[in-house]
Amino acid sequence: MLYRLIVELCRFTVRLCCRNRVTVHGAENVPAAGPAVLVANHASYMDPPVIAMALRRQIYFMAREEILAAPVLGPILRRCGVFPVRQGAADRAAIRRAMALLSAGELVCVFPEGTRSKSGELLSPQPGAALIAARSGAPLIPVALSGTFEAYPPHARWMRPARISVAFGPPILSQAEESEGGRSQELAGISRKIMAEIDRMLEAGRKVGAAA
């Protein structure tokens, strides 16, 4: 299967370039079967492969349509289940694709910040992940990535040695109200809640690393 082959190639590359294995915490919080929306912070191109390396199940990622338009990389990513999303707008096609995947019991990963953080710090979330979870009934699972920014920051040409970890938090259920006004506020609140949980997980990881 191409997806698994690419994941193993990424694993080999990360070990070679970063001189470290990816440390995984809380993988038991991801269901062994059935739908879930993984919601992760985003500071590096390494983030999707690192998440994929952490789980045995296939994950379907949203990616900017510009990336999927690349001559060689684009077709490979599409064959691995990556699907496009337009930045800065409510992309109904992307939402329909995510809903179809969740209805089929798959895992979908969304980066709610909408773009990579240029500083490595968390950005304000967009409501797309909460909307998808609310419509599908799938749980939201916070994913905290650390070390990827240090290993491959924006504008870097090569990966660098770094300690990389990925942590999966307990599921958060989305319960947005049906009224338009209430729903919009609820989705924004859920988005802030899940980013706050990612921030908490990152801080907990930093404390553990400092004590080690």
Foldseek 3Di string as FASTA:
>chain_A
DLLVVVLVVLQVQCCVAQVDGAAEAAPVLDDPWAEAEEEEAAFFPCVVSSVCNRDPAQEEEEDAVVQLPDPPRNVSNVVSRYDYDHAPDDGPVVLVSLLVQRVVTGYYYDHQQRDHDQVNDGHQGDLSSLVSCQVNVHWYKYKAKPFNCVQGGPPDPHGHHTHIYIYIHHTDTRDQDDDPVSNVVSSSVVSVVSVVVNVVVVVVVVVVVVVD
